[in-house]
C-alpha atoms as a PDB file:
ATOM      1  CA  UNK A   1      44.122 -97.716  95.987  1.00  0.00           C
ATOM      2  CA  UNK A   2      47.478 -97.521  96.594  1.00  0.00           C
ATOM      3  CA  UNK A   3      49.399-101.182  96.583  1.00  0.00           C
ATOM      4  CA  UNK A   4      51.464-101.705 100.052  1.00  0.00           C
ATOM      5  CA  UNK A   5      54.719-101.025  98.700  1.00  0.00           C
ATOM      6  CA  UNK A   6      52.872 -97.583  96.833  1.00  0.00           C
ATOM      7  CA  UNK A   7      51.770 -96.592 100.388  1.00  0.00           C
ATOM      8  CA  UNK A   8      55.267 -97.651 102.373  1.00  0.00           C
ATOM      9  CA  UNK A   9      57.279 -95.373  99.842  1.00  0.00           C
ATOM     10  CA  UNK A  10      54.498 -92.222 100.381  1.00  0.00           C
ATOM     11  CA  UNK A  11      55.368 -92.666 104.292  1.00  0.00           C
ATOM     12  CA  UNK A  12      58.915 -92.558 103.825  1.00  0.00           C
ATOM     13  CA  UNK A  13      58.854 -89.524 101.829  1.00  0.00           C
ATOM     14  CA  UNK A  14      57.564 -85.398 101.820  1.00  0.00           C
ATOM     15  CA  UNK A  15      54.339 -84.757  99.614  1.00  0.00           C
ATOM     16  CA  UNK A  16      54.785 -81.503  97.819  1.00  0.00           C
ATOM     17  CA  UNK A  17      53.625 -78.610  99.453  1.00  0.00           C
ATOM     18  CA  UNK A  18      53.678 -74.358  98.538  1.00  0.00           C
ATOM     19  CA  UNK A  19      55.389 -72.030  99.816  1.00  0.00           C
ATOM     20  CA  UNK A  20      52.480 -70.827 101.828  1.00  0.00           C
ATOM     21  CA  UNK A  21      52.148 -73.796 103.201  1.00  0.00           C
ATOM     22  CA  UNK A  22      54.880 -73.945 104.486  1.00  0.00           C
ATOM     23  CA  UNK A  23      54.547 -70.996 106.396  1.00  0.00           C
ATOM     24  CA  UNK A  24      51.943 -72.280 108.414  1.00  0.00           C
ATOM     25  CA  UNK A  25      53.311 -76.334 108.585  1.00  0.00           C
ATOM     26  CA  UNK A  26      56.825 -76.335 107.942  1.00  0.00           C
ATOM     27  CA  UNK A  27      58.046 -73.803 111.104  1.00  0.00           C
ATOM     28  CA  UNK A  28      60.068 -74.546 113.758  1.00  0.00           C
ATOM     29  CA  UNK A  29      59.038 -73.465 117.258  1.00  0.00           C
ATOM     30  CA  UNK A  30      61.547 -72.561 119.628  1.00  0.00           C
ATOM     31  CA  UNK A  31      62.031 -76.014 121.312  1.00  0.00           C
ATOM     32  CA  UNK A  32      62.628 -77.251 117.703  1.00  0.00           C
ATOM     33  CA  UNK A  33      65.295 -75.124 117.453  1.00  0.00           C
ATOM     34  CA  UNK A  34      67.411 -76.497 120.707  1.00  0.00           C
ATOM     35  CA  UNK A  35      68.233 -79.509 117.995  1.00  0.00           C
ATOM     36  CA  UNK A  36      71.191 -77.176 118.022  1.00  0.00           C
ATOM     37  CA  UNK A  37      72.170 -78.242 121.481  1.00  0.00           C
ATOM     38  CA  UNK A  38      70.704 -82.544 120.992  1.00  0.00           C
ATOM     39  CA  UNK A  39      72.445 -82.879 117.773  1.00  0.00           C
ATOM     40  CA  UNK A  40      76.006 -81.917 116.240  1.00  0.00           C
ATOM     41  CA  UNK A  41      76.585 -81.591 112.652  1.00  0.00           C
ATOM     42  CA  UNK A  42      75.040 -79.128 109.876  1.00  0.00           C
ATOM     43  CA  UNK A  43      73.586 -81.989 107.812  1.00  0.00           C
ATOM     44  CA  UNK A  44      72.355 -83.473 111.390  1.00  0.00           C
ATOM     45  CA  UNK A  45      70.629 -80.605 112.788  1.00  0.00           C
ATOM     46  CA  UNK A  46      68.736 -79.232 109.133  1.00  0.00           C
ATOM     47  CA  UNK A  47      67.877 -82.970 108.960  1.00  0.00           C
ATOM     48  CA  UNK A  48      66.452 -82.955 112.146  1.00  0.00           C
ATOM     49  CA  UNK A  49      64.315 -79.350 112.667  1.00  0.00           C
ATOM     50  CA  UNK A  50      63.327 -80.485 109.338  1.00  0.00           C
ATOM     51  CA  UNK A  51      62.061 -83.783 110.438  1.00  0.00           C
ATOM     52  CA  UNK A  52      60.444 -82.493 113.460  1.00  0.00           C
ATOM     53  CA  UNK A  53      58.668 -79.782 112.043  1.00  0.00           C
ATOM     54  CA  UNK A  54      56.678 -83.042 109.849  1.00  0.00           C
ATOM     55  CA  UNK A  55      56.160 -84.929 112.695  1.00  0.00           C
ATOM     56  CA  UNK A  56      52.478 -82.460 113.142  1.00  0.00           C
ATOM     57  CA  UNK A  57      52.295 -81.514 109.641  1.00  0.00           C
ATOM     58  CA  UNK A  58      52.216 -85.453 108.221  1.00  0.00           C
ATOM     59  CA  UNK A  59      51.472 -86.997 111.631  1.00  0.00           C
ATOM     60  CA  UNK A  60      54.996 -88.989 111.307  1.00  0.00           C
ATOM     61  CA  UNK A  61      58.614 -87.910 110.564  1.00  0.00           C
ATOM     62  CA  UNK A  62      60.015 -89.169 106.665  1.00  0.00           C
ATOM     63  CA  UNK A  63      62.998 -91.098 106.850  1.00  0.00           C
ATOM     64  CA  UNK A  64      64.302 -89.924 104.241  1.00  0.00           C
ATOM     65  CA  UNK A  65      64.811 -86.305 105.238  1.00  0.00           C
ATOM     66  CA  UNK A  66      66.976 -85.542 101.990  1.00  0.00           C
ATOM     67  CA  UNK A  67      63.934 -85.994  99.547  1.00  0.00           C
ATOM     68  CA  UNK A  68      61.811 -82.805 101.554  1.00  0.00           C
ATOM     69  CA  UNK A  69      60.537 -80.382  99.230  1.00  0.00           C
ATOM     70  CA  UNK A  70      63.410 -77.162  98.924  1.00  0.00           C
ATOM     71  CA  UNK A  71      59.981 -75.017 100.583  1.00  0.00           C
ATOM     72  CA  UNK A  72      60.101 -77.468 103.139  1.00  0.00           C
ATOM     73  CA  UNK A  73      63.531 -77.501 104.517  1.00  0.00           C
ATOM     74  CA  UNK A  74      63.969 -73.004 103.381  1.00  0.00           C
ATOM     75  CA  UNK A  75      62.267 -71.968 107.026  1.00  0.00           C
ATOM     76  CA  UNK A  76      63.970 -74.720 109.052  1.00  0.00           C
ATOM     77  CA  UNK A  77      67.083 -73.655 107.673  1.00  0.00           C
ATOM     78  CA  UNK A  78      66.300 -69.748 107.814  1.00  0.00           C
ATOM     79  CA  UNK A  79      65.806 -70.165 111.566  1.00  0.00           C
ATOM     80  CA  UNK A  80      68.663 -72.211 112.598  1.00  0.00           C
ATOM     81  CA  UNK A  81      71.036 -69.973 110.125  1.00  0.00           C
ATOM     82  CA  UNK A  82      72.014 -73.164 107.718  1.00  0.00           C
ATOM     83  CA  UNK A  83      72.494 -73.328 104.182  1.00  0.00           C
ATOM     84  CA  UNK A  84      69.881 -75.055 102.718  1.00  0.00           C
ATOM     85  CA  UNK A  85      72.356 -77.917 100.792  1.00  0.00           C
ATOM     86  CA  UNK A  86      73.758 -78.784 103.799  1.00  0.00           C
ATOM     87  CA  UNK A  87      70.449 -81.777 104.027  1.00  0.00           C
ATOM     88  CA  UNK A  88      72.347 -83.331 100.839  1.00  0.00           C
ATOM     89  CA  UNK A  89      74.428 -84.629 103.586  1.00  0.00           C
ATOM     90  CA  UNK A  90      72.178 -86.449 106.117  1.00  0.00           C
ATOM     91  CA  UNK A  91      72.437 -89.309 106.925  1.00  0.00           C
ATOM     92  CA  UNK A  92      73.100 -91.278 103.971  1.00  0.00           C
ATOM     93  CA  UNK A  93      73.384 -94.565 105.478  1.00  0.00           C
ATOM     94  CA  UNK A  94      70.076 -96.387 106.210  1.00  0.00           C
ATOM     95  CA  UNK A  95      71.388 -97.168 109.995  1.00  0.00           C
ATOM     96  CA  UNK A  96      71.998 -93.647 110.507  1.00  0.00           C
ATOM     97  CA  UNK A  97      68.688 -92.558 109.029  1.00  0.00           C
ATOM     98  CA  UNK A  98      67.195 -95.196 111.419  1.00  0.00           C
ATOM     99  CA  UNK A  99      69.134 -94.080 114.371  1.00  0.00           C
ATOM    100  CA  UNK A 100      68.642 -90.259 113.978  1.00  0.00           C
ATOM    101  CA  UNK A 101      64.757 -90.820 113.545  1.00  0.00           C
ATOM    102  CA  UNK A 102      64.766 -92.760 116.743  1.00  0.00           C
ATOM    103  CA  UNK A 103      66.379 -89.394 118.235  1.00  0.00           C
ATOM    104  CA  UNK A 104      64.104 -87.184 116.729  1.00  0.00           C
ATOM    105  CA  UNK A 105      61.257 -89.345 118.478  1.00  0.00           C
ATOM    106  CA  UNK A 106      63.124 -89.183 121.475  1.00  0.00           C
ATOM    107  CA  UNK A 107      63.446 -85.280 121.711  1.00  0.00           C
ATOM    108  CA  UNK A 108      59.807 -84.282 120.320  1.00  0.00           C
ATOM    109  CA  UNK A 109      58.553 -86.093 123.648  1.00  0.00           C
ATOM    110  CA  UNK A 110      57.057 -83.408 125.674  1.00  0.00           C
ATOM    111  CA  UNK A 111      59.355 -84.189 128.979  1.00  0.00           C
ATOM    112  CA  UNK A 112      62.033 -82.755 126.327  1.00  0.00           C
ATOM    113  CA  UNK A 113      60.196 -79.384 126.039  1.00  0.00           C
END
């Protein structure tokens, strides 16, 4: 059984994922690709896309996007024509991560599709 702190850590990050599973779980939809219009800067766009893909896969969008496994970043990066390593610059400040997460959750509402 996990301690509350271990559970919180799990909800902040991403689980491991195989390349095969990533094609099922981490593929942006056409609507998700709209992040290029909603957000600015390659790191923010890629981070937003990874979080949007995580929502249906995990049921939540992890705040620690930069810790996403490379295989979970590769598909959104390829679809958006962005380098995978752009994610390293995503929301370095905690407050920025929180703000971006709020924007992602608002963006994901059905009225925005």
